[in-house]
Amino acid sequence: MNTVPKPPSGHFNVLYFASASSLTSKQHEALPAPLPLGQLFGALEERYPGMKSKILDSCLVTVNLEYVDVPPPGDDSGAVIKEGDEVAIIPPVSSG
């Protein structure tokens, strides 16, 4: 992956790997911050219809290189993605 630029003020970066990159046609993008972690999948599904069932339901997520559990929709009691954070969407990888 190429070097990811720092997100603009008031935003965080989302990095897309493997099939997530293929589906979005992007390796990364900046989204507005702050965003409760529980709203991340909904925000991505809104941008990329079908992403939830194809990728998000079975992916791993990191925030600033730490694996996190994404709470269910509507549960905003957990972590908040802040300005300048880096979120990675890591789909499962099959081996042959």
PDB file of N, CA and C in Angstrom:
ATOM      1  N   MET A   1       0.850  -1.171   0.000  1.00  0.00           N
ATOM      2  CA  MET A   1       0.000   0.000   0.000  1.00  0.00           C
ATOM      3  C   MET A   1       0.896   1.234   0.000  1.00  0.00           C
ATOM      4  N   ASN A   2       0.493   2.216  -0.762  1.00  0.00           N
ATOM      5  CA  ASN A   2       1.243   3.463  -0.822  1.00  0.00           C
ATOM      6  C   ASN A   2       1.137   4.195   0.506  1.00  0.00           C
ATOM      7  N   THR A   3       1.968   5.190   0.683  1.00  0.00           N
ATOM      8  CA  THR A   3       1.910   6.003   1.889  1.00  0.00           C
ATOM      9  C   THR A   3       0.556   6.698   1.947  1.00  0.00           C
ATOM     10  N   VAL A   4      -0.058   6.647   3.100  1.00  0.00           N
ATOM     11  CA  VAL A   4      -1.369   7.253   3.276  1.00  0.00           C
ATOM     12  C   VAL A   4      -1.179   8.679   3.785  1.00  0.00           C
ATOM     13  N   PRO A   5      -1.758   9.657   3.097  1.00  0.00           N
ATOM     14  CA  PRO A   5      -1.607  11.031   3.566  1.00  0.00           C
ATOM     15  C   PRO A   5      -2.365  11.256   4.873  1.00  0.00           C
ATOM     16  N   LYS A   6      -1.902  12.231   5.618  1.00  0.00           N
ATOM     17  CA  LYS A   6      -2.595  12.602   6.856  1.00  0.00           C
ATOM     18  C   LYS A   6      -4.005  13.076   6.483  1.00  0.00           C
ATOM     19  N   PRO A   7      -5.019  12.678   7.261  1.00  0.00           N
ATOM     20  CA  PRO A   7      -6.375  13.114   6.920  1.00  0.00           C
ATOM     21  C   PRO A   7      -6.524  14.622   7.119  1.00  0.00           C
ATOM     22  N   PRO A   8      -7.445  15.233   6.390  1.00  0.00           N
ATOM     23  CA  PRO A   8      -7.691  16.663   6.587  1.00  0.00           C
ATOM     24  C   PRO A   8      -8.206  16.934   7.998  1.00  0.00           C
ATOM     25  N   SER A   9      -8.129  18.153   8.407  1.00  0.00           N
ATOM     26  CA  SER A   9      -8.629  18.552   9.725  1.00  0.00           C
ATOM     27  C   SER A   9     -10.077  18.098   9.882  1.00  0.00           C
ATOM     28  N   GLY A  10     -10.380  17.530  11.058  1.00  0.00           N
ATOM     29  CA  GLY A  10     -11.747  17.084  11.336  1.00  0.00           C
ATOM     30  C   GLY A  10     -12.098  15.745  10.723  1.00  0.00           C
ATOM     31  N   HIS A  11     -11.102  14.979  10.273  1.00  0.00           N
ATOM     32  CA  HIS A  11     -11.348  13.692   9.632  1.00  0.00           C
ATOM     33  C   HIS A  11     -10.424  12.612  10.198  1.00  0.00           C
ATOM     34  N   PHE A  12     -10.740  11.355   9.868  1.00  0.00           N
ATOM     35  CA  PHE A  12      -9.883  10.216  10.160  1.00  0.00           C
ATOM     36  C   PHE A  12      -9.737   9.408   8.882  1.00  0.00           C
ATOM     37  N   ASN A  13      -8.695   8.600   8.804  1.00  0.00           N
ATOM     38  CA  ASN A  13      -8.465   7.764   7.622  1.00  0.00           C
ATOM     39  C   ASN A  13      -9.034   6.371   7.818  1.00  0.00           C
ATOM     40  N   VAL A  14      -9.607   5.840   6.742  1.00  0.00           N
ATOM     41  CA  VAL A  14     -10.010   4.441   6.688  1.00  0.00           C
ATOM     42  C   VAL A  14      -9.144   3.789   5.622  1.00  0.00           C
ATOM     43  N   LEU A  15      -8.491   2.697   5.990  1.00  0.00           N
ATOM     44  CA  LEU A  15      -7.669   1.929   5.059  1.00  0.00           C
ATOM     45  C   LEU A  15      -8.436   0.679   4.657  1.00  0.00           C
ATOM     46  N   TYR A  16      -8.473   0.404   3.373  1.00  0.00           N
ATOM     47  CA  TYR A  16      -9.188  -0.758   2.849  1.00  0.00           C
ATOM     48  C   TYR A  16      -8.190  -1.774   2.317  1.00  0.00           C
ATOM     49  N   PHE A  17      -8.320  -3.013   2.756  1.00  0.00           N
ATOM     50  CA  PHE A  17      -7.438  -4.079   2.314  1.00  0.00           C
ATOM     51  C   PHE A  17      -8.214  -5.134   1.543  1.00  0.00           C
ATOM     52  N   ALA A  18      -7.524  -5.832   0.654  1.00  0.00           N
ATOM     53  CA  ALA A  18      -8.041  -6.983  -0.086  1.00  0.00           C
ATOM     54  C   ALA A  18      -9.396  -6.672  -0.727  1.00  0.00           C
ATOM     55  N   SER A  19     -10.416  -7.488  -0.458  1.00  0.00           N
ATOM     56  CA  SER A  19     -11.711  -7.315  -1.109  1.00  0.00           C
ATOM     57  C   SER A  19     -12.388  -5.992  -0.744  1.00  0.00           C
ATOM     58  N   ALA A  20     -12.055  -5.420   0.402  1.00  0.00           N
ATOM     59  CA  ALA A  20     -12.622  -4.115   0.765  1.00  0.00           C
ATOM     60  C   ALA A  20     -12.102  -3.047  -0.194  1.00  0.00           C
ATOM     61  N   SER A  21     -10.841  -3.143  -0.563  1.00  0.00           N
ATOM     62  CA  SER A  21     -10.262  -2.216  -1.531  1.00  0.00           C
ATOM     63  C   SER A  21     -10.888  -2.423  -2.903  1.00  0.00           C
ATOM     64  N   SER A  22     -11.117  -3.666  -3.272  1.00  0.00           N
ATOM     65  CA  SER A  22     -11.746  -3.958  -4.568  1.00  0.00           C
ATOM     66  C   SER A  22     -13.164  -3.405  -4.622  1.00  0.00           C
ATOM     67  N   LEU A  23     -13.926  -3.602  -3.554  1.00  0.00           N
ATOM     68  CA  LEU A  23     -15.314  -3.143  -3.534  1.00  0.00           C
ATOM     69  C   LEU A  23     -15.412  -1.620  -3.578  1.00  0.00           C
ATOM     70  N   THR A  24     -14.545  -0.937  -2.861  1.00  0.00           N
ATOM     71  CA  THR A  24     -14.598   0.525  -2.803  1.00  0.00           C
ATOM     72  C   THR A  24     -13.829   1.198  -3.936  1.00  0.00           C
ATOM     73  N   SER A  25     -12.982   0.431  -4.612  1.00  0.00           N
ATOM     74  CA  SER A  25     -12.066   0.969  -5.632  1.00  0.00           C
ATOM     75  C   SER A  25     -11.111   1.998  -5.042  1.00  0.00           C
ATOM     76  N   LYS A  26     -10.826   1.851  -3.737  1.00  0.00           N
ATOM     77  CA  LYS A  26      -9.924   2.766  -3.042  1.00  0.00           C
ATOM     78  C   LYS A  26      -9.039   1.972  -2.100  1.00  0.00           C
ATOM     79  N   GLN A  27      -7.855   2.503  -1.825  1.00  0.00           N
ATOM     80  CA  GLN A  27      -7.008   1.924  -0.794  1.00  0.00           C
ATOM     81  C   GLN A  27      -7.224   2.637   0.530  1.00  0.00           C
ATOM     82  N   HIS A  28      -7.691   3.875   0.467  1.00  0.00           N
ATOM     83  CA  HIS A  28      -7.960   4.646   1.686  1.00  0.00           C
ATOM     84  C   HIS A  28      -8.835   5.831   1.348  1.00  0.00           C
ATOM     85  N   GLU A  29      -9.464   6.381   2.383  1.00  0.00           N
ATOM     86  CA  GLU A  29     -10.226   7.621   2.254  1.00  0.00           C
ATOM     87  C   GLU A  29     -10.387   8.241   3.626  1.00  0.00           C
ATOM     88  N   ALA A  30     -10.701   9.521   3.643  1.00  0.00           N
ATOM     89  CA  ALA A  30     -10.914  10.249   4.899  1.00  0.00           C
ATOM     90  C   ALA A  30     -12.407  10.400   5.138  1.00  0.00           C
ATOM     91  N   LEU A  31     -12.823  10.166   6.386  1.00  0.00           N
ATOM     92  CA  LEU A  31     -14.219  10.343   6.791  1.00  0.00           C
ATOM     93  C   LEU A  31     -14.276  11.356   7.931  1.00  0.00           C
ATOM     94  N   PRO A  32     -15.420  12.034   8.082  1.00  0.00           N
ATOM     95  CA  PRO A  32     -15.541  13.042   9.147  1.00  0.00           C
ATOM     96  C   PRO A  32     -15.461  12.432  10.546  1.00  0.00           C
ATOM     97  N   ALA A  33     -14.778  13.134  11.428  1.00  0.00           N
ATOM     98  CA  ALA A  33     -14.628  12.730  12.833  1.00  0.00           C
ATOM     99  C   ALA A  33     -15.253  13.813  13.702  1.00  0.00           C
ATOM    100  N   PRO A  34     -15.667  13.459  14.887  1.00  0.00           N
ATOM    101  CA  PRO A  34     -15.642  12.135  15.507  1.00  0.00           C
ATOM    102  C   PRO A  34     -16.795  11.268  15.006  1.00  0.00           C
ATOM    103  N   LEU A  35     -16.620   9.953  15.167  1.00  0.00           N
ATOM    104  CA  LEU A  35     -17.645   8.992  14.785  1.00  0.00           C
ATOM    105  C   LEU A  35     -17.628   7.859  15.799  1.00  0.00           C
ATOM    106  N   PRO A  36     -18.756   7.616  16.487  1.00  0.00           N
ATOM    107  CA  PRO A  36     -18.791   6.465  17.393  1.00  0.00           C
ATOM    108  C   PRO A  36     -18.475   5.184  16.613  1.00  0.00           C
ATOM    109  N   LEU A  37     -17.653   4.327  17.177  1.00  0.00           N
ATOM    110  CA  LEU A  37     -17.266   3.088  16.512  1.00  0.00           C
ATOM    111  C   LEU A  37     -18.491   2.282  16.088  1.00  0.00           C
ATOM    112  N   GLY A  38     -19.548   2.320  16.879  1.00  0.00           N
ATOM    113  CA  GLY A  38     -20.780   1.595  16.560  1.00  0.00           C
ATOM    114  C   GLY A  38     -21.489   2.114  15.315  1.00  0.00           C
ATOM    115  N   GLN A  39     -21.105   3.277  14.811  1.00  0.00           N
ATOM    116  CA  GLN A  39     -21.722   3.836  13.605  1.00  0.00           C
ATOM    117  C   GLN A  39     -20.856   3.649  12.359  1.00  0.00           C
ATOM    118  N   LEU A  40     -19.659   3.092  12.545  1.00  0.00           N
ATOM    119  CA  LEU A  40     -18.728   2.947  11.422  1.00  0.00           C
ATOM    120  C   LEU A  40     -19.311   2.108  10.293  1.00  0.00           C
ATOM    121  N   PHE A  41     -19.813   0.918  10.595  1.00  0.00           N
ATOM    122  CA  PHE A  41     -20.307   0.033   9.547  1.00  0.00           C
ATOM    123  C   PHE A  41     -21.491   0.659   8.816  1.00  0.00           C
ATOM    124  N   GLY A  42     -22.363   1.347   9.542  1.00  0.00           N
ATOM    125  CA  GLY A  42     -23.500   2.020   8.904  1.00  0.00           C
ATOM    126  C   GLY A  42     -23.037   3.112   7.952  1.00  0.00           C
ATOM    127  N   ALA A  43     -22.019   3.869   8.362  1.00  0.00           N
ATOM    128  CA  ALA A  43     -21.484   4.933   7.508  1.00  0.00           C
ATOM    129  C   ALA A  43     -20.863   4.349   6.241  1.00  0.00           C
ATOM    130  N   LEU A  44     -20.159   3.230   6.386  1.00  0.00           N
ATOM    131  CA  LEU A  44     -19.546   2.605   5.212  1.00  0.00           C
ATOM    132  C   LEU A  44     -20.588   1.962   4.308  1.00  0.00           C
ATOM    133  N   GLU A  45     -21.599   1.341   4.896  1.00  0.00           N
ATOM    134  CA  GLU A  45     -22.674   0.733   4.107  1.00  0.00           C
ATOM    135  C   GLU A  45     -23.433   1.804   3.324  1.00  0.00           C
ATOM    136  N   GLU A  46     -23.603   2.976   3.917  1.00  0.00           N
ATOM    137  CA  GLU A  46     -24.283   4.078   3.228  1.00  0.00           C
ATOM    138  C   GLU A  46     -23.483   4.521   1.994  1.00  0.00           C
ATOM    139  N   ARG A  47     -22.164   4.549   2.125  1.00  0.00           N
ATOM    140  CA  ARG A  47     -21.294   4.947   1.006  1.00  0.00           C
ATOM    141  C   ARG A  47     -21.186   3.844  -0.046  1.00  0.00           C
ATOM    142  N   TYR A  48     -21.172   2.593   0.411  1.00  0.00           N
ATOM    143  CA  TYR A  48     -20.944   1.445  -0.466  1.00  0.00           C
ATOM    144  C   TYR A  48     -22.007   0.382  -0.200  1.00  0.00           C
ATOM    145  N   PRO A  49     -23.198   0.547  -0.791  1.00  0.00           N
ATOM    146  CA  PRO A  49     -24.280  -0.414  -0.549  1.00  0.00           C
ATOM    147  C   PRO A  49     -23.832  -1.854  -0.829  1.00  0.00           C
ATOM    148  N   GLY A  50     -24.165  -2.740   0.085  1.00  0.00           N
ATOM    149  CA  GLY A  50     -23.796  -4.147  -0.022  1.00  0.00           C
ATOM    150  C   GLY A  50     -22.505  -4.491   0.692  1.00  0.00           C
ATOM    151  N   MET A  51     -21.778  -3.474   1.146  1.00  0.00           N
ATOM    152  CA  MET A  51     -20.487  -3.719   1.795  1.00  0.00           C
ATOM    153  C   MET A  51     -20.648  -4.484   3.105  1.00  0.00           C
ATOM    154  N   LYS A  52     -21.729  -4.239   3.820  1.00  0.00           N
ATOM    155  CA  LYS A  52     -21.908  -4.881   5.124  1.00  0.00           C
ATOM    156  C   LYS A  52     -21.962  -6.398   4.960  1.00  0.00           C
ATOM    157  N   SER A  53     -22.825  -6.880   4.086  1.00  0.00           N
ATOM    158  CA  SER A  53     -22.967  -8.330   3.946  1.00  0.00           C
ATOM    159  C   SER A  53     -21.775  -8.965   3.238  1.00  0.00           C
ATOM    160  N   LYS A  54     -21.139  -8.249   2.326  1.00  0.00           N
ATOM    161  CA  LYS A  54     -20.028  -8.813   1.566  1.00  0.00           C
ATOM    162  C   LYS A  54     -18.713  -8.788   2.339  1.00  0.00           C
ATOM    163  N   ILE A  55     -18.521  -7.778   3.207  1.00  0.00           N
ATOM    164  CA  ILE A  55     -17.211  -7.616   3.844  1.00  0.00           C
ATOM    165  C   ILE A  55     -17.300  -7.370   5.339  1.00  0.00           C
ATOM    166  N   LEU A  56     -18.102  -6.401   5.727  1.00  0.00           N
ATOM    167  CA  LEU A  56     -18.069  -5.934   7.116  1.00  0.00           C
ATOM    168  C   LEU A  56     -18.534  -6.981   8.129  1.00  0.00           C
ATOM    169  N   ASP A  57     -19.461  -7.844   7.746  1.00  0.00           N
ATOM    170  CA  ASP A  57     -19.960  -8.858   8.686  1.00  0.00           C
ATOM    171  C   ASP A  57     -18.884  -9.857   9.108  1.00  0.00           C
ATOM    172  N   SER A  58     -17.802  -9.967   8.335  1.00  0.00           N
ATOM    173  CA  SER A  58     -16.781 -10.964   8.658  1.00  0.00           C
ATOM    174  C   SER A  58     -15.361 -10.389   8.714  1.00  0.00           C
ATOM    175  N   CYS A  59     -15.234  -9.078   8.761  1.00  0.00           N
ATOM    176  CA  CYS A  59     -13.895  -8.478   8.734  1.00  0.00           C
ATOM    177  C   CYS A  59     -13.350  -8.222  10.143  1.00  0.00           C
ATOM    178  N   LEU A  60     -12.061  -7.945  10.191  1.00  0.00           N
ATOM    179  CA  LEU A  60     -11.425  -7.446  11.401  1.00  0.00           C
ATOM    180  C   LEU A  60     -11.266  -5.936  11.236  1.00  0.00           C
ATOM    181  N   VAL A  61     -11.251  -5.235  12.364  1.00  0.00           N
ATOM    182  CA  VAL A  61     -11.111  -3.778  12.335  1.00  0.00           C
ATOM    183  C   VAL A  61     -10.032  -3.387  13.335  1.00  0.00           C
ATOM    184  N   THR A  62      -9.174  -2.471  12.913  1.00  0.00           N
ATOM    185  CA  THR A  62      -8.208  -1.895  13.841  1.00  0.00           C
ATOM    186  C   THR A  62      -8.417  -0.389  13.894  1.00  0.00           C
ATOM    187  N   VAL A  63      -8.131   0.169  15.049  1.00  0.00           N
ATOM    188  CA  VAL A  63      -8.079   1.615  15.222  1.00  0.00           C
ATOM    189  C   VAL A  63      -6.695   1.913  15.784  1.00  0.00           C
ATOM    190  N   ASN A  64      -5.929   2.679  15.030  1.00  0.00           N
ATOM    191  CA  ASN A  64      -4.549   2.993  15.417  1.00  0.00           C
ATOM    192  C   ASN A  64      -3.750   1.729  15.739  1.00  0.00           C
ATOM    193  N   LEU A  65      -3.878   0.732  14.847  1.00  0.00           N
ATOM    194  CA  LEU A  65      -3.144  -0.544  14.902  1.00  0.00           C
ATOM    195  C   LEU A  65      -3.564  -1.467  16.039  1.00  0.00           C
ATOM    196  N   GLU A  66      -4.637  -1.157  16.736  1.00  0.00           N
ATOM    197  CA  GLU A  66      -5.163  -2.022  17.806  1.00  0.00           C
ATOM    198  C   GLU A  66      -6.472  -2.657  17.323  1.00  0.00           C
ATOM    199  N   TYR A  67      -6.568  -3.988  17.398  1.00  0.00           N
ATOM    200  CA  TYR A  67      -7.811  -4.650  17.018  1.00  0.00           C
ATOM    201  C   TYR A  67      -8.931  -4.225  17.968  1.00  0.00           C
ATOM    202  N   VAL A  68     -10.115  -3.987  17.396  1.00  0.00           N
ATOM    203  CA  VAL A  68     -11.272  -3.577  18.185  1.00  0.00           C
ATOM    204  C   VAL A  68     -12.480  -4.418  17.785  1.00  0.00           C
ATOM    205  N   ASP A  69     -13.408  -4.550  18.722  1.00  0.00           N
ATOM    206  CA  ASP A  69     -14.704  -5.151  18.431  1.00  0.00           C
ATOM    207  C   ASP A  69     -15.667  -4.022  18.139  1.00  0.00           C
ATOM    208  N   VAL A  70     -16.290  -4.076  16.979  1.00  0.00           N
ATOM    209  CA  VAL A  70     -17.242  -3.036  16.603  1.00  0.00           C
ATOM    210  C   VAL A  70     -18.581  -3.369  17.245  1.00  0.00           C
ATOM    211  N   PRO A  71     -19.115  -2.449  18.059  1.00  0.00           N
ATOM    212  CA  PRO A  71     -20.403  -2.714  18.697  1.00  0.00           C
ATOM    213  C   PRO A  71     -21.530  -2.755  17.673  1.00  0.00           C
ATOM    214  N   PRO A  72     -22.643  -3.361  18.043  1.00  0.00           N
ATOM    215  CA  PRO A  72     -23.779  -3.422  17.115  1.00  0.00           C
ATOM    216  C   PRO A  72     -24.331  -2.017  16.835  1.00  0.00           C
ATOM    217  N   PRO A  73     -25.028  -1.868  15.703  1.00  0.00           N
ATOM    218  CA  PRO A  73     -25.616  -0.570  15.370  1.00  0.00           C
ATOM    219  C   PRO A  73     -26.486  -0.055  16.515  1.00  0.00           C
ATOM    220  N   GLY A  74     -26.387   1.231  16.768  1.00  0.00           N
ATOM    221  CA  GLY A  74     -27.179   1.849  17.827  1.00  0.00           C
ATOM    222  C   GLY A  74     -26.494   1.846  19.180  1.00  0.00           C
ATOM    223  N   ASP A  75     -25.432   1.047  19.330  1.00  0.00           N
ATOM    224  CA  ASP A  75     -24.687   1.020  20.591  1.00  0.00           C
ATOM    225  C   ASP A  75     -23.544   2.019  20.503  1.00  0.00           C
ATOM    226  N   ASP A  76     -23.781   3.218  20.986  1.00  0.00           N
ATOM    227  CA  ASP A  76     -22.785   4.285  20.916  1.00  0.00           C
ATOM    228  C   ASP A  76     -22.041   4.454  22.232  1.00  0.00           C
ATOM    229  N   SER A  77     -22.086   3.425  23.079  1.00  0.00           N
ATOM    230  CA  SER A  77     -21.452   3.526  24.386  1.00  0.00           C
ATOM    231  C   SER A  77     -19.963   3.200  24.341  1.00  0.00           C
ATOM    232  N   GLY A  78     -19.504   2.698  23.207  1.00  0.00           N
ATOM    233  CA  GLY A  78     -18.107   2.282  23.106  1.00  0.00           C
ATOM    234  C   GLY A  78     -17.185   3.404  22.670  1.00  0.00           C
ATOM    235  N   ALA A  79     -16.107   3.005  22.049  1.00  0.00           N
ATOM    236  CA  ALA A  79     -15.070   3.935  21.615  1.00  0.00           C
ATOM    237  C   ALA A  79     -15.582   4.884  20.543  1.00  0.00           C
ATOM    238  N   VAL A  80     -14.894   5.994  20.438  1.00  0.00           N
ATOM    239  CA  VAL A  80     -15.194   6.993  19.411  1.00  0.00           C
ATOM    240  C   VAL A  80     -13.950   7.156  18.546  1.00  0.00           C
ATOM    241  N   ILE A  81     -14.149   7.124  17.238  1.00  0.00           N
ATOM    242  CA  ILE A  81     -13.053   7.371  16.310  1.00  0.00           C
ATOM    243  C   ILE A  81     -12.845   8.876  16.264  1.00  0.00           C
ATOM    244  N   LYS A  82     -11.606   9.295  16.532  1.00  0.00           N
ATOM    245  CA  LYS A  82     -11.309  10.719  16.665  1.00  0.00           C
ATOM    246  C   LYS A  82     -10.548  11.246  15.452  1.00  0.00           C
ATOM    247  N   GLU A  83     -10.495  12.554  15.365  1.00  0.00           N
ATOM    248  CA  GLU A  83      -9.738  13.224  14.317  1.00  0.00           C
ATOM    249  C   GLU A  83      -8.301  12.702  14.312  1.00  0.00           C
ATOM    250  N   GLY A  84      -7.807  12.378  13.126  1.00  0.00           N
ATOM    251  CA  GLY A  84      -6.432  11.905  12.986  1.00  0.00           C
ATOM    252  C   GLY A  84      -6.247  10.414  13.187  1.00  0.00           C
ATOM    253  N   ASP A  85      -7.289   9.694  13.641  1.00  0.00           N
ATOM    254  CA  ASP A  85      -7.165   8.250  13.844  1.00  0.00           C
ATOM    255  C   ASP A  85      -7.027   7.531  12.502  1.00  0.00           C
ATOM    256  N   GLU A  86      -6.549   6.295  12.582  1.00  0.00           N
ATOM    257  CA  GLU A  86      -6.423   5.446  11.399  1.00  0.00           C
ATOM    258  C   GLU A  86      -7.187   4.155  11.663  1.00  0.00           C
ATOM    259  N   VAL A  87      -8.182   3.892  10.827  1.00  0.00           N
ATOM    260  CA  VAL A  87      -9.018   2.700  10.943  1.00  0.00           C
ATOM    261  C   VAL A  87      -8.706   1.800   9.756  1.00  0.00           C
ATOM    262  N   ALA A  88      -8.516   0.509   9.999  1.00  0.00           N
ATOM    263  CA  ALA A  88      -8.263  -0.433   8.919  1.00  0.00           C
ATOM    264  C   ALA A  88      -9.394  -1.457   8.857  1.00  0.00           C
ATOM    265  N   ILE A  89      -9.867  -1.713   7.639  1.00  0.00           N
ATOM    266  CA  ILE A  89     -10.872  -2.738   7.393  1.00  0.00           C
ATOM    267  C   ILE A  89     -10.134  -3.917   6.752  1.00  0.00           C
ATOM    268  N   ILE A  90     -10.099  -5.050   7.474  1.00  0.00           N
ATOM    269  CA  ILE A  90      -9.297  -6.195   7.050  1.00  0.00           C
ATOM    270  C   ILE A  90     -10.224  -7.391   6.842  1.00  0.00           C
ATOM    271  N   PRO A  91     -10.589  -7.670   5.587  1.00  0.00           N
ATOM    272  CA  PRO A  91     -11.450  -8.817   5.301  1.00  0.00           C
ATOM    273  C   PRO A  91     -10.719 -10.128   5.549  1.00  0.00           C
ATOM    274  N   PRO A  92     -11.472 -11.204   5.730  1.00  0.00           N
ATOM    275  CA  PRO A  92     -10.813 -12.510   5.881  1.00  0.00           C
ATOM    276  C   PRO A  92     -10.059 -12.859   4.594  1.00  0.00           C
ATOM    277  N   VAL A  93      -8.959 -13.551   4.762  1.00  0.00           N
ATOM    278  CA  VAL A  93      -8.144 -13.951   3.615  1.00  0.00           C
ATOM    279  C   VAL A  93      -8.134 -15.468   3.566  1.00  0.00           C
ATOM    280  N   SER A  94      -8.441 -16.017   2.404  1.00  0.00           N
ATOM    281  CA  SER A  94      -8.417 -17.475   2.276  1.00  0.00           C
ATOM    282  C   SER A  94      -7.043 -17.917   1.792  1.00  0.00           C
ATOM    283  N   SER A  95      -6.698 -19.121   2.158  1.00  0.00           N
ATOM    284  CA  SER A  95      -5.415 -19.668   1.694  1.00  0.00           C
ATOM    285  C   SER A  95      -5.686 -20.925   0.891  1.00  0.00           C
ATOM    286  N   GLY A  96      -4.738 -21.269   0.054  1.00  0.00           N
ATOM    287  CA  GLY A  96      -4.951 -22.386  -0.841  1.00  0.00           C
ATOM    288  C   GLY A  96      -4.196 -23.559  -0.523  1.00  0.00           C
TER     289      GLY A  96
END
